[in-house]
Amino acid sequence: MYQDQFEIAGTEVVARVDNVTRRVHFAETPPKWDALNQWREVAVPGNHDEAAVAAHVADVMLDKAKPLATAEDAWKNLAVATAFYAAAQSGRPARVKRGPPP
């Protein structure tokens, strides 16, 4: 059996991503031990190819759609990535900075 998945644990939620089945699940942390199944599946958009992304960008530029991600979303992603690398380097948990840079 082939398996390709990873988990990302935060202070409030754990995310499990399965690259074979293309499924994503989330669970609260710490778990509520009285629940039988903590994991909740979330739907992942089916069209994640370059053509779909280009079409969406064109629609946003033509005011036919709202952007799926904002500059604030990009900042949050960068803050998480920076905290991840800081934690990996120090071997200790690192805090994610809140809010965009001044």
PDB file of N, CA and C in Angstrom:
ATOM      1  N   MET A   1       0.848  -1.175   0.000  1.00  0.00           N
ATOM      2  CA  MET A   1       0.000   0.000   0.000  1.00  0.00           C
ATOM      3  C   MET A   1       0.884   1.225   0.000  1.00  0.00           C
ATOM      4  N   TYR A   2       0.575   2.177  -0.829  1.00  0.00           N
ATOM      5  CA  TYR A   2       1.330   3.413  -0.932  1.00  0.00           C
ATOM      6  C   TYR A   2       0.639   4.487  -0.106  1.00  0.00           C
ATOM      7  N   GLN A   3       1.412   5.229   0.662  1.00  0.00           N
ATOM      8  CA  GLN A   3       0.850   6.281   1.493  1.00  0.00           C
ATOM      9  C   GLN A   3       1.723   7.522   1.388  1.00  0.00           C
ATOM     10  N   ASP A   4       1.093   8.664   1.205  1.00  0.00           N
ATOM     11  CA  ASP A   4       1.815   9.932   1.107  1.00  0.00           C
ATOM     12  C   ASP A   4       0.948  10.989   1.782  1.00  0.00           C
ATOM     13  N   GLN A   5       1.199  11.195   3.062  1.00  0.00           N
ATOM     14  CA  GLN A   5       0.421  12.197   3.792  1.00  0.00           C
ATOM     15  C   GLN A   5       1.300  12.880   4.819  1.00  0.00           C
ATOM     16  N   PHE A   6       0.837  14.031   5.284  1.00  0.00           N
ATOM     17  CA  PHE A   6       1.557  14.742   6.331  1.00  0.00           C
ATOM     18  C   PHE A   6       0.547  15.450   7.211  1.00  0.00           C
ATOM     19  N   GLU A   7       0.996  15.808   8.395  1.00  0.00           N
ATOM     20  CA  GLU A   7       0.168  16.546   9.336  1.00  0.00           C
ATOM     21  C   GLU A   7       0.901  17.806   9.760  1.00  0.00           C
ATOM     22  N   ILE A   8       0.120  18.863   9.962  1.00  0.00           N
ATOM     23  CA  ILE A   8       0.651  20.120  10.477  1.00  0.00           C
ATOM     24  C   ILE A   8      -0.124  20.413  11.752  1.00  0.00           C
ATOM     25  N   ALA A   9       0.594  20.532  12.866  1.00  0.00           N
ATOM     26  CA  ALA A   9      -0.057  20.751  14.160  1.00  0.00           C
ATOM     27  C   ALA A   9       0.147  22.184  14.601  1.00  0.00           C
ATOM     28  N   GLY A  10      -0.960  22.840  14.933  1.00  0.00           N
ATOM     29  CA  GLY A  10      -0.925  24.182  15.480  1.00  0.00           C
ATOM     30  C   GLY A  10      -1.368  24.160  16.932  1.00  0.00           C
ATOM     31  N   THR A  11      -1.575  25.314  17.508  1.00  0.00           N
ATOM     32  CA  THR A  11      -1.990  25.379  18.915  1.00  0.00           C
ATOM     33  C   THR A  11      -3.462  25.052  19.087  1.00  0.00           C
ATOM     34  N   GLU A  12      -4.269  25.161  18.017  1.00  0.00           N
ATOM     35  CA  GLU A  12      -5.702  24.908  18.140  1.00  0.00           C
ATOM     36  C   GLU A  12      -6.216  23.845  17.172  1.00  0.00           C
ATOM     37  N   VAL A  13      -5.508  23.600  16.089  1.00  0.00           N
ATOM     38  CA  VAL A  13      -5.995  22.683  15.057  1.00  0.00           C
ATOM     39  C   VAL A  13      -4.834  21.867  14.492  1.00  0.00           C
ATOM     40  N   VAL A  14      -5.137  20.617  14.116  1.00  0.00           N
ATOM     41  CA  VAL A  14      -4.194  19.772  13.381  1.00  0.00           C
ATOM     42  C   VAL A  14      -4.804  19.533  12.002  1.00  0.00           C
ATOM     43  N   ALA A  15      -3.996  19.701  10.949  1.00  0.00           N
ATOM     44  CA  ALA A  15      -4.444  19.439   9.588  1.00  0.00           C
ATOM     45  C   ALA A  15      -3.725  18.206   9.075  1.00  0.00           C
ATOM     46  N   ARG A  16      -4.463  17.323   8.426  1.00  0.00           N
ATOM     47  CA  ARG A  16      -3.886  16.121   7.814  1.00  0.00           C
ATOM     48  C   ARG A  16      -4.186  16.182   6.314  1.00  0.00           C
ATOM     49  N   VAL A  17      -3.134  16.132   5.501  1.00  0.00           N
ATOM     50  CA  VAL A  17      -3.270  16.204   4.051  1.00  0.00           C
ATOM     51  C   VAL A  17      -2.801  14.887   3.464  1.00  0.00           C
ATOM     52  N   ASP A  18      -3.667  14.234   2.686  1.00  0.00           N
ATOM     53  CA  ASP A  18      -3.336  12.972   2.037  1.00  0.00           C
ATOM     54  C   ASP A  18      -3.165  13.242   0.549  1.00  0.00           C
ATOM     55  N   ASN A  19      -1.937  13.134   0.061  1.00  0.00           N
ATOM     56  CA  ASN A  19      -1.644  13.437  -1.338  1.00  0.00           C
ATOM     57  C   ASN A  19      -2.093  12.348  -2.299  1.00  0.00           C
ATOM     58  N   VAL A  20      -2.361  11.155  -1.818  1.00  0.00           N
ATOM     59  CA  VAL A  20      -2.813  10.076  -2.688  1.00  0.00           C
ATOM     60  C   VAL A  20      -4.311  10.212  -2.947  1.00  0.00           C
ATOM     61  N   THR A  21      -5.079  10.366  -1.893  1.00  0.00           N
ATOM     62  CA  THR A  21      -6.538  10.469  -2.047  1.00  0.00           C
ATOM     63  C   THR A  21      -7.001  11.905  -2.286  1.00  0.00           C
ATOM     64  N   ARG A  22      -6.081  12.864  -2.127  1.00  0.00           N
ATOM     65  CA  ARG A  22      -6.381  14.291  -2.273  1.00  0.00           C
ATOM     66  C   ARG A  22      -7.487  14.719  -1.311  1.00  0.00           C
ATOM     67  N   ARG A  23      -7.358  14.247  -0.071  1.00  0.00           N
ATOM     68  CA  ARG A  23      -8.318  14.594   0.964  1.00  0.00           C
ATOM     69  C   ARG A  23      -7.614  15.373   2.067  1.00  0.00           C
ATOM     70  N   VAL A  24      -8.350  16.310   2.676  1.00  0.00           N
ATOM     71  CA  VAL A  24      -7.831  17.131   3.759  1.00  0.00           C
ATOM     72  C   VAL A  24      -8.780  17.012   4.944  1.00  0.00           C
ATOM     73  N   HIS A  25      -8.198  16.753   6.124  1.00  0.00           N
ATOM     74  CA  HIS A  25      -8.983  16.645   7.352  1.00  0.00           C
ATOM     75  C   HIS A  25      -8.408  17.582   8.410  1.00  0.00           C
ATOM     76  N   PHE A  26      -9.277  18.043   9.294  1.00  0.00           N
ATOM     77  CA  PHE A  26      -8.873  18.883  10.417  1.00  0.00           C
ATOM     78  C   PHE A  26      -9.396  18.293  11.710  1.00  0.00           C
ATOM     79  N   ALA A  27      -8.664  18.502  12.805  1.00  0.00           N
ATOM     80  CA  ALA A  27      -9.103  18.095  14.139  1.00  0.00           C
ATOM     81  C   ALA A  27      -8.670  19.155  15.132  1.00  0.00           C
ATOM     82  N   GLU A  28      -9.493  19.359  16.155  1.00  0.00           N
ATOM     83  CA  GLU A  28      -9.129  20.301  17.212  1.00  0.00           C
ATOM     84  C   GLU A  28      -8.003  19.729  18.046  1.00  0.00           C
ATOM     85  N   THR A  29      -7.195  20.606  18.597  1.00  0.00           N
ATOM     86  CA  THR A  29      -6.159  20.187  19.516  1.00  0.00           C
ATOM     87  C   THR A  29      -6.151  21.117  20.720  1.00  0.00           C
ATOM     88  N   PRO A  30      -6.117  20.627  21.931  1.00  0.00           N
ATOM     89  CA  PRO A  30      -6.122  19.208  22.257  1.00  0.00           C
ATOM     90  C   PRO A  30      -7.462  18.580  21.911  1.00  0.00           C
ATOM     91  N   PRO A  31      -7.446  17.285  21.580  1.00  0.00           N
ATOM     92  CA  PRO A  31      -8.683  16.633  21.163  1.00  0.00           C
ATOM     93  C   PRO A  31      -9.674  16.501  22.311  1.00  0.00           C
ATOM     94  N   LYS A  32     -10.921  16.463  21.924  1.00  0.00           N
ATOM     95  CA  LYS A  32     -11.975  16.182  22.900  1.00  0.00           C
ATOM     96  C   LYS A  32     -12.099  14.656  22.968  1.00  0.00           C
ATOM     97  N   TRP A  33     -11.649  14.080  24.051  1.00  0.00           N
ATOM     98  CA  TRP A  33     -11.540  12.620  24.129  1.00  0.00           C
ATOM     99  C   TRP A  33     -12.878  11.914  24.150  1.00  0.00           C
ATOM    100  N   ASP A  34     -13.969  12.619  24.405  1.00  0.00           N
ATOM    101  CA  ASP A  34     -15.267  11.954  24.413  1.00  0.00           C
ATOM    102  C   ASP A  34     -15.821  11.764  23.001  1.00  0.00           C
ATOM    103  N   ALA A  35     -15.234  12.428  22.012  1.00  0.00           N
ATOM    104  CA  ALA A  35     -15.701  12.284  20.637  1.00  0.00           C
ATOM    105  C   ALA A  35     -15.080  11.040  20.012  1.00  0.00           C
ATOM    106  N   LEU A  36     -15.895  10.302  19.239  1.00  0.00           N
ATOM    107  CA  LEU A  36     -15.385   9.083  18.595  1.00  0.00           C
ATOM    108  C   LEU A  36     -14.463   9.408  17.431  1.00  0.00           C
ATOM    109  N   ASN A  37     -14.779  10.422  16.676  1.00  0.00           N
ATOM    110  CA  ASN A  37     -13.955  10.769  15.520  1.00  0.00           C
ATOM    111  C   ASN A  37     -13.727  12.269  15.504  1.00  0.00           C
ATOM    112  N   GLN A  38     -12.521  12.688  15.804  1.00  0.00           N
ATOM    113  CA  GLN A  38     -12.190  14.107  15.845  1.00  0.00           C
ATOM    114  C   GLN A  38     -11.997  14.702  14.456  1.00  0.00           C
ATOM    115  N   TRP A  39     -11.641  13.882  13.482  1.00  0.00           N
ATOM    116  CA  TRP A  39     -11.265  14.400  12.171  1.00  0.00           C
ATOM    117  C   TRP A  39     -12.487  14.781  11.359  1.00  0.00           C
ATOM    118  N   ARG A  40     -12.437  15.970  10.745  1.00  0.00           N
ATOM    119  CA  ARG A  40     -13.496  16.466   9.877  1.00  0.00           C
ATOM    120  C   ARG A  40     -12.893  16.745   8.510  1.00  0.00           C
ATOM    121  N   GLU A  41     -13.507  16.175   7.476  1.00  0.00           N
ATOM    122  CA  GLU A  41     -12.993  16.378   6.124  1.00  0.00           C
ATOM    123  C   GLU A  41     -13.501  17.701   5.560  1.00  0.00           C
ATOM    124  N   VAL A  42     -12.638  18.376   4.820  1.00  0.00           N
ATOM    125  CA  VAL A  42     -13.034  19.601   4.125  1.00  0.00           C
ATOM    126  C   VAL A  42     -12.878  19.378   2.624  1.00  0.00           C
ATOM    127  N   ALA A  43     -13.755  20.016   1.872  1.00  0.00           N
ATOM    128  CA  ALA A  43     -13.728  19.860   0.418  1.00  0.00           C
ATOM    129  C   ALA A  43     -12.555  20.648  -0.159  1.00  0.00           C
ATOM    130  N   VAL A  44     -11.883  20.048  -1.106  1.00  0.00           N
ATOM    131  CA  VAL A  44     -10.773  20.701  -1.797  1.00  0.00           C
ATOM    132  C   VAL A  44     -11.225  20.959  -3.230  1.00  0.00           C
ATOM    133  N   PRO A  45     -11.048  22.188  -3.736  1.00  0.00           N
ATOM    134  CA  PRO A  45     -11.454  22.462  -5.121  1.00  0.00           C
ATOM    135  C   PRO A  45     -10.789  21.491  -6.086  1.00  0.00           C
ATOM    136  N   GLY A  46     -11.536  21.020  -7.063  1.00  0.00           N
ATOM    137  CA  GLY A  46     -11.041  20.019  -7.993  1.00  0.00           C
ATOM    138  C   GLY A  46     -10.139  20.563  -9.077  1.00  0.00           C
ATOM    139  N   ASN A  47     -10.251  21.846  -9.394  1.00  0.00           N
ATOM    140  CA  ASN A  47      -9.478  22.379 -10.518  1.00  0.00           C
ATOM    141  C   ASN A  47      -8.310  23.216 -10.010  1.00  0.00           C
ATOM    142  N   HIS A  48      -7.214  22.547  -9.725  1.00  0.00           N
ATOM    143  CA  HIS A  48      -6.016  23.230  -9.236  1.00  0.00           C
ATOM    144  C   HIS A  48      -4.913  23.218 -10.285  1.00  0.00           C
ATOM    145  N   ASP A  49      -5.259  23.327 -11.540  1.00  0.00           N
ATOM    146  CA  ASP A  49      -4.214  23.331 -12.563  1.00  0.00           C
ATOM    147  C   ASP A  49      -3.913  24.762 -13.001  1.00  0.00           C
ATOM    148  N   GLU A  50      -2.866  24.931 -13.802  1.00  0.00           N
ATOM    149  CA  GLU A  50      -2.425  26.258 -14.209  1.00  0.00           C
ATOM    150  C   GLU A  50      -3.482  26.992 -15.024  1.00  0.00           C
ATOM    151  N   ALA A  51      -4.219  26.276 -15.870  1.00  0.00           N
ATOM    152  CA  ALA A  51      -5.236  26.915 -16.705  1.00  0.00           C
ATOM    153  C   ALA A  51      -6.351  27.501 -15.844  1.00  0.00           C
ATOM    154  N   ALA A  52      -6.761  26.780 -14.804  1.00  0.00           N
ATOM    155  CA  ALA A  52      -7.815  27.273 -13.917  1.00  0.00           C
ATOM    156  C   ALA A  52      -7.343  28.509 -13.154  1.00  0.00           C
ATOM    157  N   VAL A  53      -6.093  28.501 -12.723  1.00  0.00           N
ATOM    158  CA  VAL A  53      -5.543  29.655 -12.006  1.00  0.00           C
ATOM    159  C   VAL A  53      -5.479  30.861 -12.944  1.00  0.00           C
ATOM    160  N   ALA A  54      -4.990  30.676 -14.156  1.00  0.00           N
ATOM    161  CA  ALA A  54      -4.898  31.771 -15.126  1.00  0.00           C
ATOM    162  C   ALA A  54      -6.284  32.320 -15.445  1.00  0.00           C
ATOM    163  N   ALA A  55      -7.268  31.447 -15.612  1.00  0.00           N
ATOM    164  CA  ALA A  55      -8.634  31.894 -15.895  1.00  0.00           C
ATOM    165  C   ALA A  55      -9.188  32.709 -14.727  1.00  0.00           C
ATOM    166  N   HIS A  56      -8.901  32.286 -13.518  1.00  0.00           N
ATOM    167  CA  HIS A  56      -9.379  33.038 -12.357  1.00  0.00           C
ATOM    168  C   HIS A  56      -8.723  34.412 -12.288  1.00  0.00           C
ATOM    169  N   VAL A  57      -7.425  34.489 -12.512  1.00  0.00           N
ATOM    170  CA  VAL A  57      -6.724  35.774 -12.490  1.00  0.00           C
ATOM    171  C   VAL A  57      -7.319  36.705 -13.551  1.00  0.00           C
ATOM    172  N   ALA A  58      -7.599  36.174 -14.737  1.00  0.00           N
ATOM    173  CA  ALA A  58      -8.208  36.993 -15.792  1.00  0.00           C
ATOM    174  C   ALA A  58      -9.585  37.487 -15.361  1.00  0.00           C
ATOM    175  N   ASP A  59     -10.381  36.627 -14.761  1.00  0.00           N
ATOM    176  CA  ASP A  59     -11.713  37.031 -14.286  1.00  0.00           C
ATOM    177  C   ASP A  59     -11.622  38.118 -13.221  1.00  0.00           C
ATOM    178  N   VAL A  60     -10.639  38.024 -12.332  1.00  0.00           N
ATOM    179  CA  VAL A  60     -10.454  39.055 -11.311  1.00  0.00           C
ATOM    180  C   VAL A  60     -10.081  40.377 -11.972  1.00  0.00           C
ATOM    181  N   MET A  61      -9.168  40.322 -12.935  1.00  0.00           N
ATOM    182  CA  MET A  61      -8.732  41.545 -13.617  1.00  0.00           C
ATOM    183  C   MET A  61      -9.880  42.198 -14.399  1.00  0.00           C
ATOM    184  N   LEU A  62     -10.833  41.399 -14.862  1.00  0.00           N
ATOM    185  CA  LEU A  62     -11.981  41.919 -15.613  1.00  0.00           C
ATOM    186  C   LEU A  62     -13.180  42.206 -14.707  1.00  0.00           C
ATOM    187  N   ASP A  63     -12.964  42.181 -13.390  1.00  0.00           N
ATOM    188  CA  ASP A  63     -14.023  42.406 -12.388  1.00  0.00           C
ATOM    189  C   ASP A  63     -15.179  41.421 -12.516  1.00  0.00           C
ATOM    190  N   LYS A  64     -14.888  40.205 -12.971  1.00  0.00           N
ATOM    191  CA  LYS A  64     -15.909  39.160 -13.051  1.00  0.00           C
ATOM    192  C   LYS A  64     -15.880  38.250 -11.833  1.00  0.00           C
ATOM    193  N   ALA A  65     -14.843  38.362 -11.000  1.00  0.00           N
ATOM    194  CA  ALA A  65     -14.708  37.516  -9.811  1.00  0.00           C
ATOM    195  C   ALA A  65     -13.889  38.245  -8.761  1.00  0.00           C
ATOM    196  N   LYS A  66     -14.078  37.833  -7.523  1.00  0.00           N
ATOM    197  CA  LYS A  66     -13.271  38.362  -6.425  1.00  0.00           C
ATOM    198  C   LYS A  66     -12.059  37.440  -6.261  1.00  0.00           C
ATOM    199  N   PRO A  67     -10.899  37.987  -5.867  1.00  0.00           N
ATOM    200  CA  PRO A  67      -9.717  37.136  -5.690  1.00  0.00           C
ATOM    201  C   PRO A  67      -9.948  36.079  -4.612  1.00  0.00           C
ATOM    202  N   LEU A  68      -9.415  34.893  -4.847  1.00  0.00           N
ATOM    203  CA  LEU A  68      -9.506  33.823  -3.850  1.00  0.00           C
ATOM    204  C   LEU A  68      -8.580  34.080  -2.676  1.00  0.00           C
ATOM    205  N   ALA A  69      -7.522  34.822  -2.910  1.00  0.00           N
ATOM    206  CA  ALA A  69      -6.555  35.134  -1.862  1.00  0.00           C
ATOM    207  C   ALA A  69      -6.202  36.612  -1.940  1.00  0.00           C
ATOM    208  N   THR A  70      -5.880  37.180  -0.786  1.00  0.00           N
ATOM    209  CA  THR A  70      -5.554  38.599  -0.706  1.00  0.00           C
ATOM    210  C   THR A  70      -4.103  38.779  -0.267  1.00  0.00           C
ATOM    211  N   ALA A  71      -3.665  40.027  -0.263  1.00  0.00           N
ATOM    212  CA  ALA A  71      -2.319  40.327   0.237  1.00  0.00           C
ATOM    213  C   ALA A  71      -2.224  39.951   1.711  1.00  0.00           C
ATOM    214  N   GLU A  72      -3.313  40.125   2.456  1.00  0.00           N
ATOM    215  CA  GLU A  72      -3.322  39.724   3.868  1.00  0.00           C
ATOM    216  C   GLU A  72      -3.143  38.210   4.004  1.00  0.00           C
ATOM    217  N   ASP A  73      -3.780  37.438   3.117  1.00  0.00           N
ATOM    218  CA  ASP A  73      -3.595  35.983   3.118  1.00  0.00           C
ATOM    219  C   ASP A  73      -2.135  35.627   2.859  1.00  0.00           C
ATOM    220  N   ALA A  74      -1.513  36.337   1.926  1.00  0.00           N
ATOM    221  CA  ALA A  74      -0.100  36.086   1.622  1.00  0.00           C
ATOM    222  C   ALA A  74       0.761  36.376   2.846  1.00  0.00           C
ATOM    223  N   TRP A  75       0.456  37.468   3.552  1.00  0.00           N
ATOM    224  CA  TRP A  75       1.208  37.799   4.768  1.00  0.00           C
ATOM    225  C   TRP A  75       1.063  36.683   5.796  1.00  0.00           C
ATOM    226  N   LYS A  76      -0.151  36.191   6.001  1.00  0.00           N
ATOM    227  CA  LYS A  76      -0.381  35.130   6.986  1.00  0.00           C
ATOM    228  C   LYS A  76       0.403  33.870   6.604  1.00  0.00           C
ATOM    229  N   ASN A  77       0.402  33.518   5.323  1.00  0.00           N
ATOM    230  CA  ASN A  77       1.161  32.346   4.872  1.00  0.00           C
ATOM    231  C   ASN A  77       2.655  32.527   5.118  1.00  0.00           C
ATOM    232  N   LEU A  78       3.160  33.724   4.821  1.00  0.00           N
ATOM    233  CA  LEU A  78       4.581  34.010   5.051  1.00  0.00           C
ATOM    234  C   LEU A  78       4.908  33.935   6.544  1.00  0.00           C
ATOM    235  N   ALA A  79       4.024  34.478   7.392  1.00  0.00           N
ATOM    236  CA  ALA A  79       4.253  34.454   8.840  1.00  0.00           C
ATOM    237  C   ALA A  79       4.308  33.014   9.361  1.00  0.00           C
ATOM    238  N   VAL A  80       3.429  32.147   8.856  1.00  0.00           N
ATOM    239  CA  VAL A  80       3.441  30.739   9.280  1.00  0.00           C
ATOM    240  C   VAL A  80       4.719  30.059   8.808  1.00  0.00           C
ATOM    241  N   ALA A  81       5.115  30.298   7.552  1.00  0.00           N
ATOM    242  CA  ALA A  81       6.336  29.686   7.025  1.00  0.00           C
ATOM    243  C   ALA A  81       7.562  30.156   7.799  1.00  0.00           C
ATOM    244  N   THR A  82       7.617  31.442   8.121  1.00  0.00           N
ATOM    245  CA  THR A  82       8.743  31.985   8.881  1.00  0.00           C
ATOM    246  C   THR A  82       8.810  31.360  10.272  1.00  0.00           C
ATOM    247  N   ALA A  83       7.656  31.220  10.924  1.00  0.00           N
ATOM    248  CA  ALA A  83       7.624  30.589  12.254  1.00  0.00           C
ATOM    249  C   ALA A  83       8.044  29.128  12.164  1.00  0.00           C
ATOM    250  N   PHE A  84       7.625  28.442  11.109  1.00  0.00           N
ATOM    251  CA  PHE A  84       8.010  27.045  10.911  1.00  0.00           C
ATOM    252  C   PHE A  84       9.526  26.911  10.835  1.00  0.00           C
ATOM    253  N   TYR A  85      10.155  27.748  10.010  1.00  0.00           N
ATOM    254  CA  TYR A  85      11.611  27.663   9.868  1.00  0.00           C
ATOM    255  C   TYR A  85      12.333  28.062  11.153  1.00  0.00           C
ATOM    256  N   ALA A  86      11.799  29.045  11.877  1.00  0.00           N
ATOM    257  CA  ALA A  86      12.406  29.438  13.150  1.00  0.00           C
ATOM    258  C   ALA A  86      12.320  28.291  14.153  1.00  0.00           C
ATOM    259  N   ALA A  87      11.175  27.601  14.191  1.00  0.00           N
ATOM    260  CA  ALA A  87      11.014  26.467  15.102  1.00  0.00           C
ATOM    261  C   ALA A  87      11.936  25.315  14.714  1.00  0.00           C
ATOM    262  N   ALA A  88      12.047  25.069  13.419  1.00  0.00           N
ATOM    263  CA  ALA A  88      12.923  23.990  12.958  1.00  0.00           C
ATOM    264  C   ALA A  88      14.382  24.291  13.303  1.00  0.00           C
ATOM    265  N   GLN A  89      14.773  25.533  13.174  1.00  0.00           N
ATOM    266  CA  GLN A  89      16.158  25.906  13.449  1.00  0.00           C
ATOM    267  C   GLN A  89      16.463  25.854  14.947  1.00  0.00           C
ATOM    268  N   SER A  90      15.524  26.314  15.771  1.00  0.00           N
ATOM    269  CA  SER A  90      15.787  26.387  17.213  1.00  0.00           C
ATOM    270  C   SER A  90      15.432  25.100  17.944  1.00  0.00           C
ATOM    271  N   GLY A  91      14.573  24.272  17.338  1.00  0.00           N
ATOM    272  CA  GLY A  91      14.123  23.054  18.012  1.00  0.00           C
ATOM    273  C   GLY A  91      13.053  23.330  19.061  1.00  0.00           C
ATOM    274  N   ARG A  92      12.514  24.543  19.059  1.00  0.00           N
ATOM    275  CA  ARG A  92      11.471  24.934  20.018  1.00  0.00           C
ATOM    276  C   ARG A  92      10.290  25.533  19.263  1.00  0.00           C
ATOM    277  N   PRO A  93       9.100  25.522  19.874  1.00  0.00           N
ATOM    278  CA  PRO A  93       7.946  26.153  19.216  1.00  0.00           C
ATOM    279  C   PRO A  93       8.220  27.642  18.960  1.00  0.00           C
ATOM    280  N   ALA A  94       7.673  28.146  17.883  1.00  0.00           N
ATOM    281  CA  ALA A  94       7.820  29.570  17.546  1.00  0.00           C
ATOM    282  C   ALA A  94       6.436  30.170  17.364  1.00  0.00           C
ATOM    283  N   ARG A  95       6.288  31.416  17.777  1.00  0.00           N
ATOM    284  CA  ARG A  95       5.008  32.111  17.630  1.00  0.00           C
ATOM    285  C   ARG A  95       4.864  32.672  16.216  1.00  0.00           C
ATOM    286  N   VAL A  96       3.631  32.602  15.709  1.00  0.00           N
ATOM    287  CA  VAL A  96       3.318  33.206  14.412  1.00  0.00           C
ATOM    288  C   VAL A  96       2.972  34.665  14.655  1.00  0.00           C
ATOM    289  N   LYS A  97       3.633  35.561  13.944  1.00  0.00           N
ATOM    290  CA  LYS A  97       3.355  37.000  14.087  1.00  0.00           C
ATOM    291  C   LYS A  97       1.964  37.303  13.542  1.00  0.00           C
ATOM    292  N   ARG A  98       1.242  38.144  14.251  1.00  0.00           N
ATOM    293  CA  ARG A  98      -0.123  38.526  13.835  1.00  0.00           C
ATOM    294  C   ARG A  98      -0.085  39.841  13.075  1.00  0.00           C
ATOM    295  N   GLY A  99      -0.912  39.951  12.068  1.00  0.00           N
ATOM    296  CA  GLY A  99      -1.081  41.195  11.345  1.00  0.00           C
ATOM    297  C   GLY A  99      -0.017  41.449  10.319  1.00  0.00           C
ATOM    298  N   PRO A 100      -0.356  42.278   9.314  1.00  0.00           N
ATOM    299  CA  PRO A 100       0.617  42.599   8.261  1.00  0.00           C
ATOM    300  C   PRO A 100       1.709  43.509   8.785  1.00  0.00           C
ATOM    301  N   PRO A 101       2.835  43.559   8.095  1.00  0.00           N
ATOM    302  CA  PRO A 101       3.936  44.423   8.533  1.00  0.00           C
ATOM    303  C   PRO A 101       3.513  45.889   8.463  1.00  0.00           C
ATOM    304  N   PRO A 102       4.135  46.739   9.278  1.00  0.00           N
ATOM    305  CA  PRO A 102       3.770  48.175   9.273  1.00  0.00           C
ATOM    306  C   PRO A 102       4.133  48.849   7.965  1.00  0.00           C
TER     307      PRO A 102
END
